[in-house]
Amino acid sequence: MVDTKRQIADRVRGLMAEKRSSQQAIADLLGLSRQAVNARFTYRAPWQAWELHTLSQHWGVPVARFYPEVVAA
């Protein structure tokens, strides 16, 4: 079974590294605490759609970049 919450967190983490950002910078951008952002990276809380939308606009990437690819069976 695919864990979408983990896949999204891993994709955000990868893009965060690519853009040389930090959890604190993401927290500041989203108006969240660093602990709330850390909860998303450690799979304790899911990323919200508005958070992913804000990150996609900030980093100049399509929001689809955060979601896993769906492969037809």
PDB file of N, CA and C in Angstrom:
ATOM      1  N   MET A   1       0.841  -1.183   0.000  1.00  0.00           N
ATOM      2  CA  MET A   1       0.000   0.000   0.000  1.00  0.00           C
ATOM      3  C   MET A   1       0.889   1.250   0.000  1.00  0.00           C
ATOM      4  N   VAL A   2       0.520   2.202  -0.770  1.00  0.00           N
ATOM      5  CA  VAL A   2       1.285   3.440  -0.896  1.00  0.00           C
ATOM      6  C   VAL A   2       0.868   4.408   0.210  1.00  0.00           C
ATOM      7  N   ASP A   3       1.849   4.995   0.876  1.00  0.00           N
ATOM      8  CA  ASP A   3       1.567   5.988   1.911  1.00  0.00           C
ATOM      9  C   ASP A   3       1.796   7.369   1.302  1.00  0.00           C
ATOM     10  N   THR A   4       0.715   7.973   0.837  1.00  0.00           N
ATOM     11  CA  THR A   4       0.796   9.263   0.150  1.00  0.00           C
ATOM     12  C   THR A   4       1.357  10.352   1.048  1.00  0.00           C
ATOM     13  N   LYS A   5       1.000  10.327   2.328  1.00  0.00           N
ATOM     14  CA  LYS A   5       1.499  11.339   3.269  1.00  0.00           C
ATOM     15  C   LYS A   5       3.029  11.320   3.310  1.00  0.00           C
ATOM     16  N   ARG A   6       3.611  10.134   3.338  1.00  0.00           N
ATOM     17  CA  ARG A   6       5.080  10.002   3.344  1.00  0.00           C
ATOM     18  C   ARG A   6       5.682  10.460   2.016  1.00  0.00           C
ATOM     19  N   GLN A   7       5.051  10.072   0.924  1.00  0.00           N
ATOM     20  CA  GLN A   7       5.573  10.453  -0.385  1.00  0.00           C
ATOM     21  C   GLN A   7       5.580  11.969  -0.561  1.00  0.00           C
ATOM     22  N   ILE A   8       4.510  12.619  -0.129  1.00  0.00           N
ATOM     23  CA  ILE A   8       4.443  14.078  -0.243  1.00  0.00           C
ATOM     24  C   ILE A   8       5.518  14.715   0.623  1.00  0.00           C
ATOM     25  N   ALA A   9       5.649  14.253   1.871  1.00  0.00           N
ATOM     26  CA  ALA A   9       6.673  14.805   2.767  1.00  0.00           C
ATOM     27  C   ALA A   9       8.063  14.619   2.178  1.00  0.00           C
ATOM     28  N   ASP A  10       8.324  13.460   1.600  1.00  0.00           N
ATOM     29  CA  ASP A  10       9.633  13.204   1.003  1.00  0.00           C
ATOM     30  C   ASP A  10       9.887  14.103  -0.206  1.00  0.00           C
ATOM     31  N   ARG A  11       8.863  14.380  -0.983  1.00  0.00           N
ATOM     32  CA  ARG A  11       9.018  15.261  -2.141  1.00  0.00           C
ATOM     33  C   ARG A  11       9.252  16.707  -1.704  1.00  0.00           C
ATOM     34  N   VAL A  12       8.544  17.136  -0.654  1.00  0.00           N
ATOM     35  CA  VAL A  12       8.778  18.490  -0.128  1.00  0.00           C
ATOM     36  C   VAL A  12      10.204  18.574   0.408  1.00  0.00           C
ATOM     37  N   ARG A  13      10.640  17.551   1.126  1.00  0.00           N
ATOM     38  CA  ARG A  13      11.995  17.528   1.680  1.00  0.00           C
ATOM     39  C   ARG A  13      13.047  17.615   0.561  1.00  0.00           C
ATOM     40  N   GLY A  14      12.822  16.866  -0.509  1.00  0.00           N
ATOM     41  CA  GLY A  14      13.757  16.887  -1.632  1.00  0.00           C
ATOM     42  C   GLY A  14      13.832  18.256  -2.283  1.00  0.00           C
ATOM     43  N   LEU A  15      12.682  18.877  -2.471  1.00  0.00           N
ATOM     44  CA  LEU A  15      12.662  20.206  -3.084  1.00  0.00           C
ATOM     45  C   LEU A  15      13.250  21.246  -2.137  1.00  0.00           C
ATOM     46  N   MET A  16      13.019  21.052  -0.846  1.00  0.00           N
ATOM     47  CA  MET A  16      13.597  21.960   0.146  1.00  0.00           C
ATOM     48  C   MET A  16      15.124  21.923   0.044  1.00  0.00           C
ATOM     49  N   ALA A  17      15.690  20.738  -0.097  1.00  0.00           N
ATOM     50  CA  ALA A  17      17.135  20.610  -0.236  1.00  0.00           C
ATOM     51  C   ALA A  17      17.616  21.225  -1.554  1.00  0.00           C
ATOM     52  N   GLU A  18      16.875  20.955  -2.623  1.00  0.00           N
ATOM     53  CA  GLU A  18      17.218  21.492  -3.942  1.00  0.00           C
ATOM     54  C   GLU A  18      17.236  23.021  -3.930  1.00  0.00           C
ATOM     55  N   LYS A  19      16.283  23.607  -3.222  1.00  0.00           N
ATOM     56  CA  LYS A  19      16.169  25.071  -3.153  1.00  0.00           C
ATOM     57  C   LYS A  19      16.990  25.663  -2.004  1.00  0.00           C
ATOM     58  N   ARG A  20      17.701  24.792  -1.283  1.00  0.00           N
ATOM     59  CA  ARG A  20      18.545  25.209  -0.154  1.00  0.00           C
ATOM     60  C   ARG A  20      17.765  26.013   0.872  1.00  0.00           C
ATOM     61  N   SER A  21      16.621  25.473   1.208  1.00  0.00           N
ATOM     62  CA  SER A  21      15.754  26.098   2.189  1.00  0.00           C
ATOM     63  C   SER A  21      15.890  25.348   3.507  1.00  0.00           C
ATOM     64  N   SER A  22      15.231  25.821   4.535  1.00  0.00           N
ATOM     65  CA  SER A  22      15.279  25.180   5.848  1.00  0.00           C
ATOM     66  C   SER A  22      13.857  25.021   6.380  1.00  0.00           C
ATOM     67  N   GLN A  23      13.722  24.182   7.396  1.00  0.00           N
ATOM     68  CA  GLN A  23      12.410  24.031   8.019  1.00  0.00           C
ATOM     69  C   GLN A  23      11.941  25.356   8.608  1.00  0.00           C
ATOM     70  N   GLN A  24      12.857  26.126   9.170  1.00  0.00           N
ATOM     71  CA  GLN A  24      12.481  27.410   9.752  1.00  0.00           C
ATOM     72  C   GLN A  24      11.996  28.374   8.665  1.00  0.00           C
ATOM     73  N   ALA A  25      12.659  28.377   7.508  1.00  0.00           N
ATOM     74  CA  ALA A  25      12.232  29.248   6.411  1.00  0.00           C
ATOM     75  C   ALA A  25      10.834  28.855   5.924  1.00  0.00           C
ATOM     76  N   ILE A  26      10.574  27.559   5.851  1.00  0.00           N
ATOM     77  CA  ILE A  26       9.251  27.093   5.446  1.00  0.00           C
ATOM     78  C   ILE A  26       8.219  27.491   6.490  1.00  0.00           C
ATOM     79  N   ALA A  27       8.565  27.307   7.752  1.00  0.00           N
ATOM     80  CA  ALA A  27       7.650  27.689   8.832  1.00  0.00           C
ATOM     81  C   ALA A  27       7.305  29.174   8.753  1.00  0.00           C
ATOM     82  N   ASP A  28       8.319  30.012   8.538  1.00  0.00           N
ATOM     83  CA  ASP A  28       8.087  31.454   8.440  1.00  0.00           C
ATOM     84  C   ASP A  28       7.187  31.784   7.252  1.00  0.00           C
ATOM     85  N   LEU A  29       7.452  31.152   6.114  1.00  0.00           N
ATOM     86  CA  LEU A  29       6.658  31.388   4.913  1.00  0.00           C
ATOM     87  C   LEU A  29       5.190  31.012   5.126  1.00  0.00           C
ATOM     88  N   LEU A  30       4.967  29.893   5.816  1.00  0.00           N
ATOM     89  CA  LEU A  30       3.612  29.383   5.996  1.00  0.00           C
ATOM     90  C   LEU A  30       2.928  29.916   7.249  1.00  0.00           C
ATOM     91  N   GLY A  31       3.668  30.628   8.068  1.00  0.00           N
ATOM     92  CA  GLY A  31       3.088  31.141   9.307  1.00  0.00           C
ATOM     93  C   GLY A  31       2.845  30.040  10.333  1.00  0.00           C
ATOM     94  N   LEU A  32       3.706  29.026  10.309  1.00  0.00           N
ATOM     95  CA  LEU A  32       3.613  27.906  11.234  1.00  0.00           C
ATOM     96  C   LEU A  32       4.830  27.896  12.143  1.00  0.00           C
ATOM     97  N   SER A  33       4.771  27.113  13.202  1.00  0.00           N
ATOM     98  CA  SER A  33       5.956  26.927  14.035  1.00  0.00           C
ATOM     99  C   SER A  33       6.889  25.937  13.345  1.00  0.00           C
ATOM    100  N   ARG A  34       8.154  25.966  13.722  1.00  0.00           N
ATOM    101  CA  ARG A  34       9.096  25.009  13.169  1.00  0.00           C
ATOM    102  C   ARG A  34       8.696  23.599  13.589  1.00  0.00           C
ATOM    103  N   GLN A  35       8.133  23.464  14.781  1.00  0.00           N
ATOM    104  CA  GLN A  35       7.693  22.159  15.257  1.00  0.00           C
ATOM    105  C   GLN A  35       6.543  21.609  14.404  1.00  0.00           C
ATOM    106  N   ALA A  36       5.647  22.487  13.966  1.00  0.00           N
ATOM    107  CA  ALA A  36       4.545  22.053  13.101  1.00  0.00           C
ATOM    108  C   ALA A  36       5.079  21.572  11.753  1.00  0.00           C
ATOM    109  N   VAL A  37       6.076  22.267  11.220  1.00  0.00           N
ATOM    110  CA  VAL A  37       6.682  21.845   9.950  1.00  0.00           C
ATOM    111  C   VAL A  37       7.424  20.527  10.152  1.00  0.00           C
ATOM    112  N   ASN A  38       8.135  20.405  11.272  1.00  0.00           N
ATOM    113  CA  ASN A  38       8.839  19.160  11.558  1.00  0.00           C
ATOM    114  C   ASN A  38       7.865  17.993  11.650  1.00  0.00           C
ATOM    115  N   ALA A  39       6.682  18.207  12.209  1.00  0.00           N
ATOM    116  CA  ALA A  39       5.674  17.144  12.299  1.00  0.00           C
ATOM    117  C   ALA A  39       5.276  16.665  10.913  1.00  0.00           C
ATOM    118  N   ARG A  40       5.266  17.541   9.951  1.00  0.00           N
ATOM    119  CA  ARG A  40       4.931  17.146   8.577  1.00  0.00           C
ATOM    120  C   ARG A  40       6.060  16.321   7.963  1.00  0.00           C
ATOM    121  N   PHE A  41       7.305  16.695   8.240  1.00  0.00           N
ATOM    122  CA  PHE A  41       8.441  15.953   7.690  1.00  0.00           C
ATOM    123  C   PHE A  41       8.640  14.601   8.360  1.00  0.00           C
ATOM    124  N   THR A  42       8.155  14.449   9.579  1.00  0.00           N
ATOM    125  CA  THR A  42       8.294  13.172  10.284  1.00  0.00           C
ATOM    126  C   THR A  42       7.004  12.369  10.236  1.00  0.00           C
ATOM    127  N   TYR A  43       6.115  12.735   9.335  1.00  0.00           N
ATOM    128  CA  TYR A  43       4.890  11.996   9.014  1.00  0.00           C
ATOM    129  C   TYR A  43       3.859  11.992  10.144  1.00  0.00           C
ATOM    130  N   ARG A  44       4.005  12.864  11.132  1.00  0.00           N
ATOM    131  CA  ARG A  44       3.030  12.919  12.224  1.00  0.00           C
ATOM    132  C   ARG A  44       1.835  13.788  11.869  1.00  0.00           C
ATOM    133  N   ALA A  45       1.980  14.639  10.866  1.00  0.00           N
ATOM    134  CA  ALA A  45       0.878  15.495  10.409  1.00  0.00           C
ATOM    135  C   ALA A  45       0.970  15.592   8.890  1.00  0.00           C
ATOM    136  N   PRO A  46      -0.161  15.611   8.202  1.00  0.00           N
ATOM    137  CA  PRO A  46      -0.125  15.716   6.740  1.00  0.00           C
ATOM    138  C   PRO A  46       0.080  17.161   6.279  1.00  0.00           C
ATOM    139  N   TRP A  47       0.652  17.305   5.115  1.00  0.00           N
ATOM    140  CA  TRP A  47       0.734  18.621   4.477  1.00  0.00           C
ATOM    141  C   TRP A  47      -0.661  18.991   4.000  1.00  0.00           C
ATOM    142  N   GLN A  48      -1.050  20.229   4.213  1.00  0.00           N
ATOM    143  CA  GLN A  48      -2.343  20.724   3.757  1.00  0.00           C
ATOM    144  C   GLN A  48      -2.201  21.239   2.322  1.00  0.00           C
ATOM    145  N   ALA A  49      -3.285  21.207   1.580  1.00  0.00           N
ATOM    146  CA  ALA A  49      -3.251  21.648   0.182  1.00  0.00           C
ATOM    147  C   ALA A  49      -2.779  23.094   0.063  1.00  0.00           C
ATOM    148  N   TRP A  50      -3.247  23.978   0.945  1.00  0.00           N
ATOM    149  CA  TRP A  50      -2.852  25.386   0.853  1.00  0.00           C
ATOM    150  C   TRP A  50      -1.360  25.553   1.130  1.00  0.00           C
ATOM    151  N   GLU A  51      -0.793  24.699   1.980  1.00  0.00           N
ATOM    152  CA  GLU A  51       0.645  24.774   2.267  1.00  0.00           C
ATOM    153  C   GLU A  51       1.451  24.392   1.027  1.00  0.00           C
ATOM    154  N   LEU A  52       1.026  23.311   0.376  1.00  0.00           N
ATOM    155  CA  LEU A  52       1.719  22.883  -0.840  1.00  0.00           C
ATOM    156  C   LEU A  52       1.568  23.916  -1.948  1.00  0.00           C
ATOM    157  N   HIS A  53       0.410  24.529  -2.043  1.00  0.00           N
ATOM    158  CA  HIS A  53       0.185  25.579  -3.035  1.00  0.00           C
ATOM    159  C   HIS A  53       1.119  26.770  -2.782  1.00  0.00           C
ATOM    160  N   THR A  54       1.216  27.186  -1.534  1.00  0.00           N
ATOM    161  CA  THR A  54       2.101  28.301  -1.178  1.00  0.00           C
ATOM    162  C   THR A  54       3.550  27.969  -1.496  1.00  0.00           C
ATOM    163  N   LEU A  55       3.989  26.757  -1.157  1.00  0.00           N
ATOM    164  CA  LEU A  55       5.366  26.353  -1.453  1.00  0.00           C
ATOM    165  C   LEU A  55       5.614  26.306  -2.957  1.00  0.00           C
ATOM    166  N   SER A  56       4.641  25.797  -3.716  1.00  0.00           N
ATOM    167  CA  SER A  56       4.826  25.719  -5.172  1.00  0.00           C
ATOM    168  C   SER A  56       4.972  27.105  -5.781  1.00  0.00           C
ATOM    169  N   GLN A  57       4.187  28.057  -5.301  1.00  0.00           N
ATOM    170  CA  GLN A  57       4.309  29.424  -5.809  1.00  0.00           C
ATOM    171  C   GLN A  57       5.643  30.043  -5.397  1.00  0.00           C
ATOM    172  N   HIS A  58       6.033  29.832  -4.165  1.00  0.00           N
ATOM    173  CA  HIS A  58       7.286  30.402  -3.657  1.00  0.00           C
ATOM    174  C   HIS A  58       8.499  29.852  -4.414  1.00  0.00           C
ATOM    175  N   TRP A  59       8.489  28.551  -4.684  1.00  0.00           N
ATOM    176  CA  TRP A  59       9.619  27.917  -5.346  1.00  0.00           C
ATOM    177  C   TRP A  59       9.485  27.883  -6.860  1.00  0.00           C
ATOM    178  N   GLY A  60       8.355  28.337  -7.388  1.00  0.00           N
ATOM    179  CA  GLY A  60       8.170  28.390  -8.834  1.00  0.00           C
ATOM    180  C   GLY A  60       8.088  27.023  -9.499  1.00  0.00           C
ATOM    181  N   VAL A  61       7.396  26.105  -8.840  1.00  0.00           N
ATOM    182  CA  VAL A  61       7.206  24.768  -9.409  1.00  0.00           C
ATOM    183  C   VAL A  61       5.713  24.440  -9.413  1.00  0.00           C
ATOM    184  N   PRO A  62       5.281  23.548 -10.276  1.00  0.00           N
ATOM    185  CA  PRO A  62       3.867  23.159 -10.256  1.00  0.00           C
ATOM    186  C   PRO A  62       3.552  22.378  -8.982  1.00  0.00           C
ATOM    187  N   VAL A  63       2.371  22.566  -8.455  1.00  0.00           N
ATOM    188  CA  VAL A  63       1.974  21.874  -7.233  1.00  0.00           C
ATOM    189  C   VAL A  63       1.974  20.358  -7.436  1.00  0.00           C
ATOM    190  N   ALA A  64       1.789  19.917  -8.655  1.00  0.00           N
ATOM    191  CA  ALA A  64       1.801  18.481  -8.961  1.00  0.00           C
ATOM    192  C   ALA A  64       3.151  17.840  -8.625  1.00  0.00           C
ATOM    193  N   ARG A  65       4.190  18.651  -8.533  1.00  0.00           N
ATOM    194  CA  ARG A  65       5.528  18.118  -8.210  1.00  0.00           C
ATOM    195  C   ARG A  65       5.547  17.454  -6.832  1.00  0.00           C
ATOM    196  N   PHE A  66       4.628  17.820  -5.953  1.00  0.00           N
ATOM    197  CA  PHE A  66       4.607  17.264  -4.606  1.00  0.00           C
ATOM    198  C   PHE A  66       3.833  15.944  -4.516  1.00  0.00           C
ATOM    199  N   TYR A  67       3.026  15.662  -5.521  1.00  0.00           N
ATOM    200  CA  TYR A  67       2.178  14.477  -5.447  1.00  0.00           C
ATOM    201  C   TYR A  67       2.796  13.310  -6.194  1.00  0.00           C
ATOM    202  N   PRO A  68       2.567  12.099  -5.694  1.00  0.00           N
ATOM    203  CA  PRO A  68       3.114  10.916  -6.382  1.00  0.00           C
ATOM    204  C   PRO A  68       2.452  10.713  -7.741  1.00  0.00           C
ATOM    205  N   GLU A  69       3.221  10.172  -8.646  1.00  0.00           N
ATOM    206  CA  GLU A  69       2.678   9.861  -9.964  1.00  0.00           C
ATOM    207  C   GLU A  69       1.729   8.669  -9.850  1.00  0.00           C
ATOM    208  N   VAL A  70       0.649   8.727 -10.595  1.00  0.00           N
ATOM    209  CA  VAL A  70      -0.311   7.638 -10.608  1.00  0.00           C
ATOM    210  C   VAL A  70      -0.072   6.849 -11.889  1.00  0.00           C
ATOM    211  N   VAL A  71       0.173   5.567 -11.724  1.00  0.00           N
ATOM    212  CA  VAL A  71       0.431   4.693 -12.862  1.00  0.00           C
ATOM    213  C   VAL A  71      -0.789   3.796 -13.054  1.00  0.00           C
ATOM    214  N   ALA A  72      -1.322   3.821 -14.256  1.00  0.00           N
ATOM    215  CA  ALA A  72      -2.493   2.984 -14.558  1.00  0.00           C
ATOM    216  C   ALA A  72      -2.083   1.508 -14.538  1.00  0.00           C
ATOM    217  N   ALA A  73      -2.948   0.711 -13.980  1.00  0.00           N
ATOM    218  CA  ALA A  73      -2.656  -0.737 -13.879  1.00  0.00           C
ATOM    219  C   ALA A  73      -2.963  -1.444 -15.162  1.00  0.00           C
TER     220      ALA A  73
END
